[in-house]
Amino acid sequence: MLFVFAISRHREYVADRTAAETIGRGDPLARALEKISAGAQRSEPTAEAKEVSALCIFGGGMSLLSTHPDTEKRIERLRSY
């Protein structure tokens, strides 16, 4: 299972890079992730934030059991494209 989780995280980075290449730069995608992340961190989550959190996209940083890479790391990488 750890291998599957690692592959899933890698695919997220590949998807981010491909999207950035498609639109010509990564900054708009980085800003979108920041907005979504900020919404997910509200004290009283919106219905949309609850749906996003159910996908396990945001939260507690990178771990071997994460299916998605750390949001801050994704934003950093997107800004480098």
C-alpha atoms as a PDB file:
ATOM      1  CA  MET A   1       0.000   0.000   0.000  1.00  0.00           C
ATOM      2  CA  LEU A   2       2.866   2.417   0.720  1.00  0.00           C
ATOM      3  CA  PHE A   3       4.000   2.009  -2.880  1.00  0.00           C
ATOM      4  CA  VAL A   4       0.493   2.810  -4.134  1.00  0.00           C
ATOM      5  CA  PHE A   5       0.382   5.953  -1.977  1.00  0.00           C
ATOM      6  CA  ALA A   6       3.803   7.049  -3.275  1.00  0.00           C
ATOM      7  CA  ILE A   7       2.666   6.550  -6.882  1.00  0.00           C
ATOM      8  CA  SER A   8      -0.480   8.565  -6.163  1.00  0.00           C
ATOM      9  CA  ARG A   9       1.592  11.472  -4.789  1.00  0.00           C
ATOM     10  CA  HIS A  10       3.914  11.297  -7.814  1.00  0.00           C
ATOM     11  CA  ARG A  11       0.936  11.412 -10.184  1.00  0.00           C
ATOM     12  CA  GLU A  12      -0.301  14.592  -8.493  1.00  0.00           C
ATOM     13  CA  TYR A  13       3.037  16.279  -9.214  1.00  0.00           C
ATOM     14  CA  VAL A  14       2.928  15.059 -12.827  1.00  0.00           C
ATOM     15  CA  ALA A  15      -0.629  16.352 -13.209  1.00  0.00           C
ATOM     16  CA  ASP A  16       0.389  19.727 -11.762  1.00  0.00           C
ATOM     17  CA  ARG A  17       3.353  19.993 -14.146  1.00  0.00           C
ATOM     18  CA  THR A  18       1.249  18.994 -17.158  1.00  0.00           C
ATOM     19  CA  ALA A  19      -1.444  21.527 -16.275  1.00  0.00           C
ATOM     20  CA  ALA A  20       1.166  24.267 -15.825  1.00  0.00           C
ATOM     21  CA  GLU A  21       2.724  23.416 -19.193  1.00  0.00           C
ATOM     22  CA  THR A  22      -0.710  23.415 -20.832  1.00  0.00           C
ATOM     23  CA  ILE A  23      -1.597  26.910 -19.642  1.00  0.00           C
ATOM     24  CA  GLY A  24       1.958  28.217 -19.957  1.00  0.00           C
ATOM     25  CA  ARG A  25       2.784  28.803 -16.287  1.00  0.00           C
ATOM     26  CA  GLY A  26       2.035  27.412 -12.846  1.00  0.00           C
ATOM     27  CA  ASP A  27       1.234  30.535 -10.840  1.00  0.00           C
ATOM     28  CA  PRO A  28      -2.540  30.577 -11.572  1.00  0.00           C
ATOM     29  CA  LEU A  29      -2.751  26.966 -10.401  1.00  0.00           C
ATOM     30  CA  ALA A  30      -0.707  27.776  -7.285  1.00  0.00           C
ATOM     31  CA  ARG A  31      -3.096  30.638  -6.438  1.00  0.00           C
ATOM     32  CA  ALA A  32      -6.082  28.323  -6.886  1.00  0.00           C
ATOM     33  CA  LEU A  33      -4.564  25.775  -4.489  1.00  0.00           C
ATOM     34  CA  GLU A  34      -3.930  28.557  -1.959  1.00  0.00           C
ATOM     35  CA  LYS A  35      -7.576  29.663  -2.140  1.00  0.00           C
ATOM     36  CA  ILE A  36      -8.890  26.124  -1.782  1.00  0.00           C
ATOM     37  CA  SER A  37      -6.507  25.435   1.084  1.00  0.00           C
ATOM     38  CA  ALA A  38      -7.518  28.629   2.887  1.00  0.00           C
ATOM     39  CA  GLY A  39     -11.170  27.648   2.557  1.00  0.00           C
ATOM     40  CA  ALA A  40     -10.451  24.190   3.948  1.00  0.00           C
ATOM     41  CA  GLN A  41      -8.751  25.723   7.007  1.00  0.00           C
ATOM     42  CA  ARG A  42     -11.721  27.856   8.108  1.00  0.00           C
ATOM     43  CA  SER A  43     -12.963  27.234  11.628  1.00  0.00           C
ATOM     44  CA  GLU A  44     -16.448  26.472  10.298  1.00  0.00           C
ATOM     45  CA  PRO A  45     -15.895  24.593   7.018  1.00  0.00           C
ATOM     46  CA  THR A  46     -18.199  25.268   4.093  1.00  0.00           C
ATOM     47  CA  ALA A  47     -19.964  22.390   2.359  1.00  0.00           C
ATOM     48  CA  GLU A  48     -17.402  22.655  -0.455  1.00  0.00           C
ATOM     49  CA  ALA A  49     -14.482  22.488   1.989  1.00  0.00           C
ATOM     50  CA  LYS A  50     -15.979  19.385   3.587  1.00  0.00           C
ATOM     51  CA  GLU A  51     -16.157  17.725   0.170  1.00  0.00           C
ATOM     52  CA  VAL A  52     -12.536  18.631  -0.579  1.00  0.00           C
ATOM     53  CA  SER A  53     -11.373  17.326   2.801  1.00  0.00           C
ATOM     54  CA  ALA A  54     -13.165  14.052   2.089  1.00  0.00           C
ATOM     55  CA  LEU A  55     -10.811  13.637  -0.874  1.00  0.00           C
ATOM     56  CA  CYS A  56      -7.830  13.829   1.528  1.00  0.00           C
ATOM     57  CA  ILE A  57      -6.201  16.548  -0.555  1.00  0.00           C
ATOM     58  CA  PHE A  58      -5.400  18.865   2.356  1.00  0.00           C
ATOM     59  CA  GLY A  59      -4.229  18.360   5.861  1.00  0.00           C
ATOM     60  CA  GLY A  60      -1.387  17.603   8.200  1.00  0.00           C
ATOM     61  CA  GLY A  61       1.589  17.569   5.892  1.00  0.00           C
ATOM     62  CA  MET A  62       3.353  14.785   4.054  1.00  0.00           C
ATOM     63  CA  SER A  63       3.411  11.275   5.438  1.00  0.00           C
ATOM     64  CA  LEU A  64       3.932   7.821   4.015  1.00  0.00           C
ATOM     65  CA  LEU A  65       0.180   7.278   4.205  1.00  0.00           C
ATOM     66  CA  SER A  66      -0.709  10.465   2.301  1.00  0.00           C
ATOM     67  CA  THR A  67      -2.404   9.989  -1.042  1.00  0.00           C
ATOM     68  CA  HIS A  68      -1.607  13.587  -2.049  1.00  0.00           C
ATOM     69  CA  PRO A  69       1.598  15.569  -1.630  1.00  0.00           C
ATOM     70  CA  ASP A  70       1.821  18.429   0.831  1.00  0.00           C
ATOM     71  CA  THR A  71      -0.127  21.424  -0.516  1.00  0.00           C
ATOM     72  CA  GLU A  72       2.670  23.890   0.253  1.00  0.00           C
ATOM     73  CA  LYS A  73       5.147  21.735  -1.674  1.00  0.00           C
ATOM     74  CA  ARG A  74       2.752  21.573  -4.655  1.00  0.00           C
ATOM     75  CA  ILE A  75       2.395  25.363  -4.603  1.00  0.00           C
ATOM     76  CA  GLU A  76       6.178  25.791  -4.443  1.00  0.00           C
ATOM     77  CA  ARG A  77       6.672  23.472  -7.413  1.00  0.00           C
ATOM     78  CA  LEU A  78       3.906  25.111  -9.443  1.00  0.00           C
ATOM     79  CA  ARG A  79       5.506  28.514  -8.981  1.00  0.00           C
ATOM     80  CA  SER A  80       8.778  27.143 -10.378  1.00  0.00           C
ATOM     81  CA  TYR A  81       7.193  26.188 -13.739  1.00  0.00           C
END
